[in-house]
Amino acid sequence: QVQLVESGGGLVQAGGSLRLSCAASGMIFSVVAMAWYRQAPGKQRELVATISTGGTIKNYVDSVKGRFTISRDNAKKTVYLQMNSLKPEDTAVYYCNSVPSRPGNYWGQGTQVTVSS
């Protein structure tokens, strides 16, 4: 059974940094393109960053370009999101999933990121 467990969120001041992690199990991680998504209160979930199976191709939503970096370690079955220069508008619950996203167990509990001004 697939399980994705996000961690690393927290409360940080504007301009600060956080590193999110997502540990995968129950899937052949190395053959799945992965992504980070986020959902802010009252808003739809949005795609933040994607990474190819080998980690060489990365894409970002315009609002995080130059501030966030996605990476992966296939040996550890983990995908990361380094977030720098955080802004209050980055406040959201962050999730990892495949790209395109898959339903059910592919959505974990997420990790809350709160950026204070």
PDB file of N, CA and C in Angstrom:
ATOM      1  N   GLN A   1       0.847  -1.194   0.000  1.00  0.00           N
ATOM      2  CA  GLN A   1       0.000   0.000   0.000  1.00  0.00           C
ATOM      3  C   GLN A   1       0.881   1.241   0.000  1.00  0.00           C
ATOM      4  N   VAL A   2       0.561   2.154  -0.881  1.00  0.00           N
ATOM      5  CA  VAL A   2       1.339   3.382  -0.994  1.00  0.00           C
ATOM      6  C   VAL A   2       1.151   4.243   0.244  1.00  0.00           C
ATOM      7  N   GLN A   3       2.254   4.825   0.692  1.00  0.00           N
ATOM      8  CA  GLN A   3       2.194   5.784   1.774  1.00  0.00           C
ATOM      9  C   GLN A   3       3.199   6.888   1.522  1.00  0.00           C
ATOM     10  N   LEU A   4       2.752   8.127   1.622  1.00  0.00           N
ATOM     11  CA  LEU A   4       3.608   9.296   1.489  1.00  0.00           C
ATOM     12  C   LEU A   4       3.491  10.090   2.777  1.00  0.00           C
ATOM     13  N   VAL A   5       4.610  10.321   3.426  1.00  0.00           N
ATOM     14  CA  VAL A   5       4.610  10.995   4.722  1.00  0.00           C
ATOM     15  C   VAL A   5       5.445  12.260   4.630  1.00  0.00           C
ATOM     16  N   GLU A   6       4.771  13.388   4.757  1.00  0.00           N
ATOM     17  CA  GLU A   6       5.436  14.691   4.686  1.00  0.00           C
ATOM     18  C   GLU A   6       5.858  15.146   6.089  1.00  0.00           C
ATOM     19  N   SER A   7       6.957  15.873   6.141  1.00  0.00           N
ATOM     20  CA  SER A   7       7.431  16.422   7.407  1.00  0.00           C
ATOM     21  C   SER A   7       8.284  17.655   7.140  1.00  0.00           C
ATOM     22  N   GLY A   8       8.592  18.377   8.214  1.00  0.00           N
ATOM     23  CA  GLY A   8       9.501  19.513   8.098  1.00  0.00           C
ATOM     24  C   GLY A   8       8.840  20.878   8.149  1.00  0.00           C
ATOM     25  N   GLY A   9       7.523  20.909   8.179  1.00  0.00           N
ATOM     26  CA  GLY A   9       6.839  22.193   8.255  1.00  0.00           C
ATOM     27  C   GLY A   9       7.002  22.845   9.612  1.00  0.00           C
ATOM     28  N   GLY A  10       6.469  24.049   9.721  1.00  0.00           N
ATOM     29  CA  GLY A  10       6.551  24.761  10.985  1.00  0.00           C
ATOM     30  C   GLY A  10       6.187  26.221  10.829  1.00  0.00           C
ATOM     31  N   LEU A  11       6.451  26.968  11.884  1.00  0.00           N
ATOM     32  CA  LEU A  11       6.206  28.408  11.902  1.00  0.00           C
ATOM     33  C   LEU A  11       7.531  29.128  11.714  1.00  0.00           C
ATOM     34  N   VAL A  12       7.569  30.025  10.765  1.00  0.00           N
ATOM     35  CA  VAL A  12       8.803  30.747  10.463  1.00  0.00           C
ATOM     36  C   VAL A  12       8.470  32.191  10.116  1.00  0.00           C
ATOM     37  N   GLN A  13       9.389  33.088  10.399  1.00  0.00           N
ATOM     38  CA  GLN A  13       9.196  34.484  10.028  1.00  0.00           C
ATOM     39  C   GLN A  13       9.455  34.690   8.551  1.00  0.00           C
ATOM     40  N   ALA A  14       8.854  35.717   8.002  1.00  0.00           N
ATOM     41  CA  ALA A  14       9.098  36.063   6.604  1.00  0.00           C
ATOM     42  C   ALA A  14      10.600  36.227   6.374  1.00  0.00           C
ATOM     43  N   GLY A  15      11.056  35.673   5.259  1.00  0.00           N
ATOM     44  CA  GLY A  15      12.474  35.703   4.949  1.00  0.00           C
ATOM     45  C   GLY A  15      13.230  34.471   5.417  1.00  0.00           C
ATOM     46  N   GLY A  16      12.584  33.655   6.212  1.00  0.00           N
ATOM     47  CA  GLY A  16      13.217  32.459   6.735  1.00  0.00           C
ATOM     48  C   GLY A  16      13.183  31.297   5.762  1.00  0.00           C
ATOM     49  N   SER A  17      13.664  30.145   6.240  1.00  0.00           N
ATOM     50  CA  SER A  17      13.777  28.959   5.398  1.00  0.00           C
ATOM     51  C   SER A  17      13.225  27.730   6.118  1.00  0.00           C
ATOM     52  N   LEU A  18      12.757  26.796   5.329  1.00  0.00           N
ATOM     53  CA  LEU A  18      12.348  25.480   5.808  1.00  0.00           C
ATOM     54  C   LEU A  18      12.714  24.461   4.757  1.00  0.00           C
ATOM     55  N   ARG A  19      12.941  23.229   5.206  1.00  0.00           N
ATOM     56  CA  ARG A  19      13.180  22.123   4.280  1.00  0.00           C
ATOM     57  C   ARG A  19      12.147  21.041   4.562  1.00  0.00           C
ATOM     58  N   LEU A  20      11.317  20.780   3.577  1.00  0.00           N
ATOM     59  CA  LEU A  20      10.306  19.748   3.693  1.00  0.00           C
ATOM     60  C   LEU A  20      10.841  18.433   3.150  1.00  0.00           C
ATOM     61  N   SER A  21      10.377  17.345   3.744  1.00  0.00           N
ATOM     62  CA  SER A  21      10.721  16.007   3.280  1.00  0.00           C
ATOM     63  C   SER A  21       9.454  15.197   3.062  1.00  0.00           C
ATOM     64  N   CYS A  22       9.527  14.269   2.129  1.00  0.00           N
ATOM     65  CA  CYS A  22       8.409  13.372   1.875  1.00  0.00           C
ATOM     66  C   CYS A  22       8.974  11.976   1.659  1.00  0.00           C
ATOM     67  N   ALA A  23       8.681  11.091   2.583  1.00  0.00           N
ATOM     68  CA  ALA A  23       9.168   9.717   2.510  1.00  0.00           C
ATOM     69  C   ALA A  23       8.096   8.823   1.904  1.00  0.00           C
ATOM     70  N   ALA A  24       8.480   8.077   0.893  1.00  0.00           N
ATOM     71  CA  ALA A  24       7.545   7.218   0.173  1.00  0.00           C
ATOM     72  C   ALA A  24       7.779   5.752   0.512  1.00  0.00           C
ATOM     73  N   SER A  25       6.699   4.993   0.514  1.00  0.00           N
ATOM     74  CA  SER A  25       6.789   3.544   0.669  1.00  0.00           C
ATOM     75  C   SER A  25       5.661   2.904  -0.119  1.00  0.00           C
ATOM     76  N   GLY A  26       5.834   1.620  -0.432  1.00  0.00           N
ATOM     77  CA  GLY A  26       4.802   0.899  -1.152  1.00  0.00           C
ATOM     78  C   GLY A  26       4.712   1.232  -2.627  1.00  0.00           C
ATOM     79  N   MET A  27       5.755   1.830  -3.183  1.00  0.00           N
ATOM     80  CA  MET A  27       5.766   2.190  -4.597  1.00  0.00           C
ATOM     81  C   MET A  27       7.199   2.093  -5.112  1.00  0.00           C
ATOM     82  N   ILE A  28       7.297   1.925  -6.429  1.00  0.00           N
ATOM     83  CA  ILE A  28       8.628   1.930  -7.059  1.00  0.00           C
ATOM     84  C   ILE A  28       8.976   3.387  -7.303  1.00  0.00           C
ATOM     85  N   PHE A  29       9.554   4.010  -6.285  1.00  0.00           N
ATOM     86  CA  PHE A  29       9.737   5.460  -6.247  1.00  0.00           C
ATOM     87  C   PHE A  29      10.559   5.964  -7.422  1.00  0.00           C
ATOM     88  N   SER A  30      11.565   5.223  -7.813  1.00  0.00           N
ATOM     89  CA  SER A  30      12.513   5.731  -8.807  1.00  0.00           C
ATOM     90  C   SER A  30      11.918   5.890 -10.197  1.00  0.00           C
ATOM     91  N   VAL A  31      10.739   5.318 -10.446  1.00  0.00           N
ATOM     92  CA  VAL A  31      10.142   5.428 -11.781  1.00  0.00           C
ATOM     93  C   VAL A  31       8.954   6.379 -11.792  1.00  0.00           C
ATOM     94  N   VAL A  32       8.759   7.114 -10.718  1.00  0.00           N
ATOM     95  CA  VAL A  32       7.616   8.019 -10.598  1.00  0.00           C
ATOM     96  C   VAL A  32       8.101   9.459 -10.513  1.00  0.00           C
ATOM     97  N   ALA A  33       7.641  10.293 -11.438  1.00  0.00           N
ATOM     98  CA  ALA A  33       7.891  11.719 -11.313  1.00  0.00           C
ATOM     99  C   ALA A  33       7.100  12.221 -10.112  1.00  0.00           C
ATOM    100  N   MET A  34       7.720  13.109  -9.345  1.00  0.00           N
ATOM    101  CA  MET A  34       7.104  13.560  -8.098  1.00  0.00           C
ATOM    102  C   MET A  34       6.899  15.064  -8.099  1.00  0.00           C
ATOM    103  N   ALA A  35       6.076  15.508  -7.175  1.00  0.00           N
ATOM    104  CA  ALA A  35       5.766  16.928  -7.092  1.00  0.00           C
ATOM    105  C   ALA A  35       5.402  17.309  -5.669  1.00  0.00           C
ATOM    106  N   TRP A  36       5.532  18.579  -5.398  1.00  0.00           N
ATOM    107  CA  TRP A  36       5.003  19.186  -4.186  1.00  0.00           C
ATOM    108  C   TRP A  36       3.800  20.042  -4.578  1.00  0.00           C
ATOM    109  N   TYR A  37       2.761  19.938  -3.776  1.00  0.00           N
ATOM    110  CA  TYR A  37       1.549  20.719  -3.941  1.00  0.00           C
ATOM    111  C   TYR A  37       1.313  21.466  -2.630  1.00  0.00           C
ATOM    112  N   ARG A  38       0.470  22.488  -2.677  1.00  0.00           N
ATOM    113  CA  ARG A  38       0.101  23.172  -1.451  1.00  0.00           C
ATOM    114  C   ARG A  38      -1.342  23.644  -1.532  1.00  0.00           C
ATOM    115  N   GLN A  39      -1.935  23.771  -0.362  1.00  0.00           N
ATOM    116  CA  GLN A  39      -3.294  24.268  -0.285  1.00  0.00           C
ATOM    117  C   GLN A  39      -3.395  25.255   0.852  1.00  0.00           C
ATOM    118  N   ALA A  40      -3.682  26.491   0.485  1.00  0.00           N
ATOM    119  CA  ALA A  40      -3.870  27.545   1.469  1.00  0.00           C
ATOM    120  C   ALA A  40      -5.338  27.574   1.907  1.00  0.00           C
ATOM    121  N   PRO A  41      -5.622  28.123   3.072  1.00  0.00           N
ATOM    122  CA  PRO A  41      -6.998  28.187   3.557  1.00  0.00           C
ATOM    123  C   PRO A  41      -7.919  28.873   2.548  1.00  0.00           C
ATOM    124  N   GLY A  42      -9.020  28.227   2.230  1.00  0.00           N
ATOM    125  CA  GLY A  42      -9.998  28.811   1.319  1.00  0.00           C
ATOM    126  C   GLY A  42      -9.615  28.797  -0.138  1.00  0.00           C
ATOM    127  N   LYS A  43      -8.510  28.135  -0.466  1.00  0.00           N
ATOM    128  CA  LYS A  43      -8.048  28.104  -1.865  1.00  0.00           C
ATOM    129  C   LYS A  43      -7.928  26.673  -2.351  1.00  0.00           C
ATOM    130  N   GLN A  44      -7.881  26.528  -3.666  1.00  0.00           N
ATOM    131  CA  GLN A  44      -7.690  25.208  -4.251  1.00  0.00           C
ATOM    132  C   GLN A  44      -6.234  24.779  -4.116  1.00  0.00           C
ATOM    133  N   ARG A  45      -6.042  23.486  -4.102  1.00  0.00           N
ATOM    134  CA  ARG A  45      -4.690  22.955  -4.071  1.00  0.00           C
ATOM    135  C   ARG A  45      -3.973  23.323  -5.358  1.00  0.00           C
ATOM    136  N   GLU A  46      -2.708  23.733  -5.244  1.00  0.00           N
ATOM    137  CA  GLU A  46      -1.944  24.108  -6.436  1.00  0.00           C
ATOM    138  C   GLU A  46      -0.638  23.340  -6.496  1.00  0.00           C
ATOM    139  N   LEU A  47      -0.189  23.148  -7.715  1.00  0.00           N
ATOM    140  CA  LEU A  47       1.091  22.491  -7.969  1.00  0.00           C
ATOM    141  C   LEU A  47       2.207  23.502  -7.754  1.00  0.00           C
ATOM    142  N   VAL A  48       3.188  23.148  -6.958  1.00  0.00           N
ATOM    143  CA  VAL A  48       4.273  24.069  -6.628  1.00  0.00           C
ATOM    144  C   VAL A  48       5.547  23.749  -7.409  1.00  0.00           C
ATOM    145  N   ALA A  49       5.927  22.482  -7.426  1.00  0.00           N
ATOM    146  CA  ALA A  49       7.176  22.099  -8.076  1.00  0.00           C
ATOM    147  C   ALA A  49       7.112  20.637  -8.489  1.00  0.00           C
ATOM    148  N   THR A  50       7.771  20.317  -9.594  1.00  0.00           N
ATOM    149  CA  THR A  50       7.838  18.940 -10.069  1.00  0.00           C
ATOM    150  C   THR A  50       9.284  18.531 -10.306  1.00  0.00           C
ATOM    151  N   ILE A  51       9.523  17.229 -10.259  1.00  0.00           N
ATOM    152  CA  ILE A  51      10.861  16.715 -10.516  1.00  0.00           C
ATOM    153  C   ILE A  51      10.735  15.400 -11.256  1.00  0.00           C
ATOM    154  N   SER A  52      11.588  15.212 -12.247  1.00  0.00           N
ATOM    155  CA  SER A  52      11.557  14.003 -13.058  1.00  0.00           C
ATOM    156  C   SER A  52      12.086  12.806 -12.261  1.00  0.00           C
ATOM    157  N   THR A  53      11.954  11.635 -12.840  1.00  0.00           N
ATOM    158  CA  THR A  53      12.350  10.423 -12.136  1.00  0.00           C
ATOM    159  C   THR A  53      13.826  10.436 -11.748  1.00  0.00           C
ATOM    160  N   GLY A  54      14.666  10.942 -12.629  1.00  0.00           N
ATOM    161  CA  GLY A  54      16.096  10.984 -12.352  1.00  0.00           C
ATOM    162  C   GLY A  54      16.556  12.236 -11.631  1.00  0.00           C
ATOM    163  N   GLY A  55      15.655  13.175 -11.461  1.00  0.00           N
ATOM    164  CA  GLY A  55      15.972  14.398 -10.735  1.00  0.00           C
ATOM    165  C   GLY A  55      16.594  15.497 -11.562  1.00  0.00           C
ATOM    166  N   THR A  56      16.686  15.314 -12.868  1.00  0.00           N
ATOM    167  CA  THR A  56      17.370  16.303 -13.698  1.00  0.00           C
ATOM    168  C   THR A  56      16.442  17.389 -14.229  1.00  0.00           C
ATOM    169  N   ILE A  57      15.182  17.106 -14.347  1.00  0.00           N
ATOM    170  CA  ILE A  57      14.236  18.090 -14.882  1.00  0.00           C
ATOM    171  C   ILE A  57      13.335  18.559 -13.743  1.00  0.00           C
ATOM    172  N   LYS A  58      13.354  19.861 -13.535  1.00  0.00           N
ATOM    173  CA  LYS A  58      12.577  20.459 -12.447  1.00  0.00           C
ATOM    174  C   LYS A  58      11.773  21.632 -12.992  1.00  0.00           C
ATOM    175  N   ASN A  59      10.580  21.781 -12.476  1.00  0.00           N
ATOM    176  CA  ASN A  59       9.731  22.899 -12.863  1.00  0.00           C
ATOM    177  C   ASN A  59       9.078  23.493 -11.624  1.00  0.00           C
ATOM    178  N   TYR A  60       8.826  24.800 -11.697  1.00  0.00           N
ATOM    179  CA  TYR A  60       8.270  25.510 -10.550  1.00  0.00           C
ATOM    180  C   TYR A  60       7.149  26.444 -10.990  1.00  0.00           C
ATOM    181  N   VAL A  61       6.201  26.641 -10.117  1.00  0.00           N
ATOM    182  CA  VAL A  61       5.210  27.679 -10.353  1.00  0.00           C
ATOM    183  C   VAL A  61       5.927  29.021 -10.241  1.00  0.00           C
ATOM    184  N   ASP A  62       5.479  29.990 -11.012  1.00  0.00           N
ATOM    185  CA  ASP A  62       6.195  31.272 -11.078  1.00  0.00           C
ATOM    186  C   ASP A  62       6.407  31.913  -9.707  1.00  0.00           C
ATOM    187  N   SER A  63       5.453  31.758  -8.823  1.00  0.00           N
ATOM    188  CA  SER A  63       5.504  32.446  -7.534  1.00  0.00           C
ATOM    189  C   SER A  63       6.633  31.952  -6.624  1.00  0.00           C
ATOM    190  N   VAL A  64       7.214  30.793  -6.921  1.00  0.00           N
ATOM    191  CA  VAL A  64       8.279  30.269  -6.059  1.00  0.00           C
ATOM    192  C   VAL A  64       9.620  30.160  -6.778  1.00  0.00           C
ATOM    193  N   LYS A  65       9.653  30.474  -8.048  1.00  0.00           N
ATOM    194  CA  LYS A  65      10.905  30.383  -8.803  1.00  0.00           C
ATOM    195  C   LYS A  65      11.990  31.245  -8.164  1.00  0.00           C
ATOM    196  N   GLY A  66      13.176  30.659  -8.033  1.00  0.00           N
ATOM    197  CA  GLY A  66      14.292  31.374  -7.432  1.00  0.00           C
ATOM    198  C   GLY A  66      14.325  31.304  -5.925  1.00  0.00           C
ATOM    199  N   ARG A  67      13.255  30.785  -5.316  1.00  0.00           N
ATOM    200  CA  ARG A  67      13.207  30.690  -3.851  1.00  0.00           C
ATOM    201  C   ARG A  67      13.115  29.243  -3.363  1.00  0.00           C
ATOM    202  N   PHE A  68      12.435  28.404  -4.111  1.00  0.00           N
ATOM    203  CA  PHE A  68      12.242  27.000  -3.726  1.00  0.00           C
ATOM    204  C   PHE A  68      13.083  26.099  -4.631  1.00  0.00           C
ATOM    205  N   THR A  69      13.558  24.993  -4.065  1.00  0.00           N
ATOM    206  CA  THR A  69      14.301  23.998  -4.831  1.00  0.00           C
ATOM    207  C   THR A  69      13.790  22.611  -4.481  1.00  0.00           C
ATOM    208  N   ILE A  70      13.376  21.876  -5.502  1.00  0.00           N
ATOM    209  CA  ILE A  70      12.926  20.498  -5.298  1.00  0.00           C
ATOM    210  C   ILE A  70      14.079  19.551  -5.614  1.00  0.00           C
ATOM    211  N   SER A  71      14.179  18.478  -4.860  1.00  0.00           N
ATOM    212  CA  SER A  71      15.211  17.478  -5.113  1.00  0.00           C
ATOM    213  C   SER A  71      14.683  16.123  -4.653  1.00  0.00           C
ATOM    214  N   ARG A  72      15.406  15.068  -5.008  1.00  0.00           N
ATOM    215  CA  ARG A  72      14.986  13.738  -4.613  1.00  0.00           C
ATOM    216  C   ARG A  72      16.189  12.850  -4.390  1.00  0.00           C
ATOM    217  N   ASP A  73      15.994  11.848  -3.548  1.00  0.00           N
ATOM    218  CA  ASP A  73      17.003  10.825  -3.299  1.00  0.00           C
ATOM    219  C   ASP A  73      16.307   9.489  -3.524  1.00  0.00           C
ATOM    220  N   ASN A  74      16.539   8.881  -4.670  1.00  0.00           N
ATOM    221  CA  ASN A  74      15.828   7.644  -5.007  1.00  0.00           C
ATOM    222  C   ASN A  74      16.236   6.483  -4.098  1.00  0.00           C
ATOM    223  N   ALA A  75      17.454   6.496  -3.621  1.00  0.00           N
ATOM    224  CA  ALA A  75      17.888   5.434  -2.714  1.00  0.00           C
ATOM    225  C   ALA A  75      17.124   5.496  -1.384  1.00  0.00           C
ATOM    226  N   LYS A  76      16.791   6.700  -0.966  1.00  0.00           N
ATOM    227  CA  LYS A  76      16.044   6.881   0.287  1.00  0.00           C
ATOM    228  C   LYS A  76      14.540   7.002   0.054  1.00  0.00           C
ATOM    229  N   LYS A  77      14.134   6.973  -1.213  1.00  0.00           N
ATOM    230  CA  LYS A  77      12.713   7.110  -1.558  1.00  0.00           C
ATOM    231  C   LYS A  77      12.124   8.371  -0.922  1.00  0.00           C
ATOM    232  N   THR A  78      12.837   9.458  -1.080  1.00  0.00           N
ATOM    233  CA  THR A  78      12.438  10.711  -0.440  1.00  0.00           C
ATOM    234  C   THR A  78      12.552  11.868  -1.427  1.00  0.00           C
ATOM    235  N   VAL A  79      11.588  12.757  -1.381  1.00  0.00           N
ATOM    236  CA  VAL A  79      11.630  13.991  -2.161  1.00  0.00           C
ATOM    237  C   VAL A  79      11.647  15.157  -1.173  1.00  0.00           C
ATOM    238  N   TYR A  80      12.378  16.190  -1.532  1.00  0.00           N
ATOM    239  CA  TYR A  80      12.585  17.332  -0.648  1.00  0.00           C
ATOM    240  C   TYR A  80      12.104  18.620  -1.308  1.00  0.00           C
ATOM    241  N   LEU A  81      11.814  19.599  -0.474  1.00  0.00           N
ATOM    242  CA  LEU A  81      11.526  20.951  -0.960  1.00  0.00           C
ATOM    243  C   LEU A  81      12.231  21.934  -0.042  1.00  0.00           C
ATOM    244  N   GLN A  82      13.301  22.532  -0.553  1.00  0.00           N
ATOM    245  CA  GLN A  82      14.002  23.577   0.182  1.00  0.00           C
ATOM    246  C   GLN A  82      13.325  24.903  -0.125  1.00  0.00           C
ATOM    247  N   MET A  83      12.860  25.560   0.910  1.00  0.00           N
ATOM    248  CA  MET A  83      12.120  26.810   0.743  1.00  0.00           C
ATOM    249  C   MET A  83      12.892  27.937   1.428  1.00  0.00           C
ATOM    250  N   ASN A  84      13.330  28.889   0.645  1.00  0.00           N
ATOM    251  CA  ASN A  84      14.061  30.045   1.157  1.00  0.00           C
ATOM    252  C   ASN A  84      13.262  31.316   0.905  1.00  0.00           C
ATOM    253  N   SER A  85      13.640  32.381   1.595  1.00  0.00           N
ATOM    254  CA  SER A  85      12.985  33.682   1.423  1.00  0.00           C
ATOM    255  C   SER A  85      11.462  33.539   1.496  1.00  0.00           C
ATOM    256  N   LEU A  86      11.016  32.851   2.496  1.00  0.00           N
ATOM    257  CA  LEU A  86       9.587  32.573   2.619  1.00  0.00           C
ATOM    258  C   LEU A  86       8.777  33.845   2.821  1.00  0.00           C
ATOM    259  N   LYS A  87       7.575  33.821   2.263  1.00  0.00           N
ATOM    260  CA  LYS A  87       6.654  34.949   2.329  1.00  0.00           C
ATOM    261  C   LYS A  87       5.361  34.502   3.007  1.00  0.00           C
ATOM    262  N   PRO A  88       4.622  35.433   3.583  1.00  0.00           N
ATOM    263  CA  PRO A  88       3.339  35.052   4.205  1.00  0.00           C
ATOM    264  C   PRO A  88       2.413  34.320   3.245  1.00  0.00           C
ATOM    265  N   GLU A  89       2.475  34.659   1.958  1.00  0.00           N
ATOM    266  CA  GLU A  89       1.607  33.996   0.983  1.00  0.00           C
ATOM    267  C   GLU A  89       2.022  32.555   0.699  1.00  0.00           C
ATOM    268  N   ASP A  90       3.138  32.117   1.249  1.00  0.00           N
ATOM    269  CA  ASP A  90       3.538  30.705   1.144  1.00  0.00           C
ATOM    270  C   ASP A  90       2.853  29.849   2.209  1.00  0.00           C
ATOM    271  N   THR A  91       2.151  30.485   3.121  1.00  0.00           N
ATOM    272  CA  THR A  91       1.447  29.746   4.174  1.00  0.00           C
ATOM    273  C   THR A  91       0.420  28.796   3.563  1.00  0.00           C
ATOM    274  N   ALA A  92       0.536  27.523   3.907  1.00  0.00           N
ATOM    275  CA  ALA A  92      -0.338  26.491   3.333  1.00  0.00           C
ATOM    276  C   ALA A  92       0.018  25.144   3.951  1.00  0.00           C
ATOM    277  N   VAL A  93      -0.812  24.168   3.667  1.00  0.00           N
ATOM    278  CA  VAL A  93      -0.447  22.780   3.935  1.00  0.00           C
ATOM    279  C   VAL A  93       0.228  22.253   2.674  1.00  0.00           C
ATOM    280  N   TYR A  94       1.412  21.685   2.833  1.00  0.00           N
ATOM    281  CA  TYR A  94       2.184  21.190   1.714  1.00  0.00           C
ATOM    282  C   TYR A  94       2.097  19.662   1.645  1.00  0.00           C
ATOM    283  N   TYR A  95       1.880  19.166   0.441  1.00  0.00           N
ATOM    284  CA  TYR A  95       1.755  17.742   0.186  1.00  0.00           C
ATOM    285  C   TYR A  95       2.708  17.326  -0.927  1.00  0.00           C
ATOM    286  N   CYS A  96       3.131  16.088  -0.878  1.00  0.00           N
ATOM    287  CA  CYS A  96       3.821  15.523  -2.039  1.00  0.00           C
ATOM    288  C   CYS A  96       2.887  14.496  -2.678  1.00  0.00           C
ATOM    289  N   ASN A  97       3.112  14.249  -3.944  1.00  0.00           N
ATOM    290  CA  ASN A  97       2.333  13.264  -4.695  1.00  0.00           C
ATOM    291  C   ASN A  97       3.071  13.052  -5.999  1.00  0.00           C
ATOM    292  N   SER A  98       2.618  12.144  -6.785  1.00  0.00           N
ATOM    293  CA  SER A  98       3.203  11.952  -8.099  1.00  0.00           C
ATOM    294  C   SER A  98       2.704  13.064  -9.015  1.00  0.00           C
ATOM    295  N   VAL A  99       3.286  13.106 -10.210  1.00  0.00           N
ATOM    296  CA  VAL A  99       2.777  14.035 -11.210  1.00  0.00           C
ATOM    297  C   VAL A  99       2.536  13.262 -12.497  1.00  0.00           C
ATOM    298  N   PRO A 100       1.306  13.253 -13.016  1.00  0.00           N
ATOM    299  CA  PRO A 100       0.130  13.849 -12.420  1.00  0.00           C
ATOM    300  C   PRO A 100      -0.223  13.181 -11.089  1.00  0.00           C
ATOM    301  N   SER A 101      -0.970  13.897 -10.290  1.00  0.00           N
ATOM    302  CA  SER A 101      -1.292  13.383  -8.956  1.00  0.00           C
ATOM    303  C   SER A 101      -2.209  12.167  -9.048  1.00  0.00           C
ATOM    304  N   ARG A 102      -2.101  11.320  -8.066  1.00  0.00           N
ATOM    305  CA  ARG A 102      -2.918  10.120  -7.968  1.00  0.00           C
ATOM    306  C   ARG A 102      -3.761  10.212  -6.713  1.00  0.00           C
ATOM    307  N   PRO A 103      -4.929   9.615  -6.724  1.00  0.00           N
ATOM    308  CA  PRO A 103      -5.865   9.785  -5.606  1.00  0.00           C
ATOM    309  C   PRO A 103      -5.591   8.848  -4.432  1.00  0.00           C
ATOM    310  N   GLY A 104      -6.452   8.902  -3.444  1.00  0.00           N
ATOM    311  CA  GLY A 104      -6.419   7.967  -2.332  1.00  0.00           C
ATOM    312  C   GLY A 104      -5.184   8.098  -1.483  1.00  0.00           C
ATOM    313  N   ASN A 105      -4.503   6.970  -1.287  1.00  0.00           N
ATOM    314  CA  ASN A 105      -3.347   6.929  -0.386  1.00  0.00           C
ATOM    315  C   ASN A 105      -2.171   7.776  -0.849  1.00  0.00           C
ATOM    316  N   TYR A 106      -2.204   8.235  -2.094  1.00  0.00           N
ATOM    317  CA  TYR A 106      -1.126   9.097  -2.553  1.00  0.00           C
ATOM    318  C   TYR A 106      -1.188  10.469  -1.886  1.00  0.00           C
ATOM    319  N   TRP A 107      -2.333  10.835  -1.338  1.00  0.00           N
ATOM    320  CA  TRP A 107      -2.418  12.083  -0.578  1.00  0.00           C
ATOM    321  C   TRP A 107      -2.188  11.763   0.896  1.00  0.00           C
ATOM    322  N   GLY A 108      -1.066  12.268   1.420  1.00  0.00           N
ATOM    323  CA  GLY A 108      -0.785  12.067   2.829  1.00  0.00           C
ATOM    324  C   GLY A 108      -1.460  13.131   3.677  1.00  0.00           C
ATOM    325  N   GLN A 109      -0.983  13.266   4.920  1.00  0.00           N
ATOM    326  CA  GLN A 109      -1.564  14.247   5.834  1.00  0.00           C
ATOM    327  C   GLN A 109      -1.066  15.648   5.544  1.00  0.00           C
ATOM    328  N   GLY A 110       0.047  15.746   4.842  1.00  0.00           N
ATOM    329  CA  GLY A 110       0.607  17.057   4.571  1.00  0.00           C
ATOM    330  C   GLY A 110       1.375  17.589   5.770  1.00  0.00           C
ATOM    331  N   THR A 111       2.055  18.691   5.543  1.00  0.00           N
ATOM    332  CA  THR A 111       2.783  19.369   6.615  1.00  0.00           C
ATOM    333  C   THR A 111       2.479  20.859   6.537  1.00  0.00           C
ATOM    334  N   GLN A 112       2.142  21.432   7.672  1.00  0.00           N
ATOM    335  CA  GLN A 112       1.716  22.833   7.725  1.00  0.00           C
ATOM    336  C   GLN A 112       2.929  23.759   7.709  1.00  0.00           C
ATOM    337  N   VAL A 113       2.891  24.726   6.827  1.00  0.00           N
ATOM    338  CA  VAL A 113       3.889  25.785   6.789  1.00  0.00           C
ATOM    339  C   VAL A 113       3.176  27.102   7.061  1.00  0.00           C
ATOM    340  N   THR A 114       3.631  27.810   8.080  1.00  0.00           N
ATOM    341  CA  THR A 114       3.052  29.099   8.427  1.00  0.00           C
ATOM    342  C   THR A 114       4.154  30.141   8.452  1.00  0.00           C
ATOM    343  N   VAL A 115       3.976  31.180   7.649  1.00  0.00           N
ATOM    344  CA  VAL A 115       4.976  32.241   7.559  1.00  0.00           C
ATOM    345  C   VAL A 115       4.375  33.512   8.127  1.00  0.00           C
ATOM    346  N   SER A 116       4.977  34.021   9.171  1.00  0.00           N
ATOM    347  CA  SER A 116       4.479  35.230   9.803  1.00  0.00           C
ATOM    348  C   SER A 116       5.159  36.461   9.220  1.00  0.00           C
ATOM    349  N   SER A 117       4.428  37.548   9.183  1.00  0.00           N
ATOM    350  CA  SER A 117       4.978  38.788   8.600  1.00  0.00           C
ATOM    351  C   SER A 117       5.682  39.629   9.651  1.00  0.00           C
TER     352      SER A 117
END
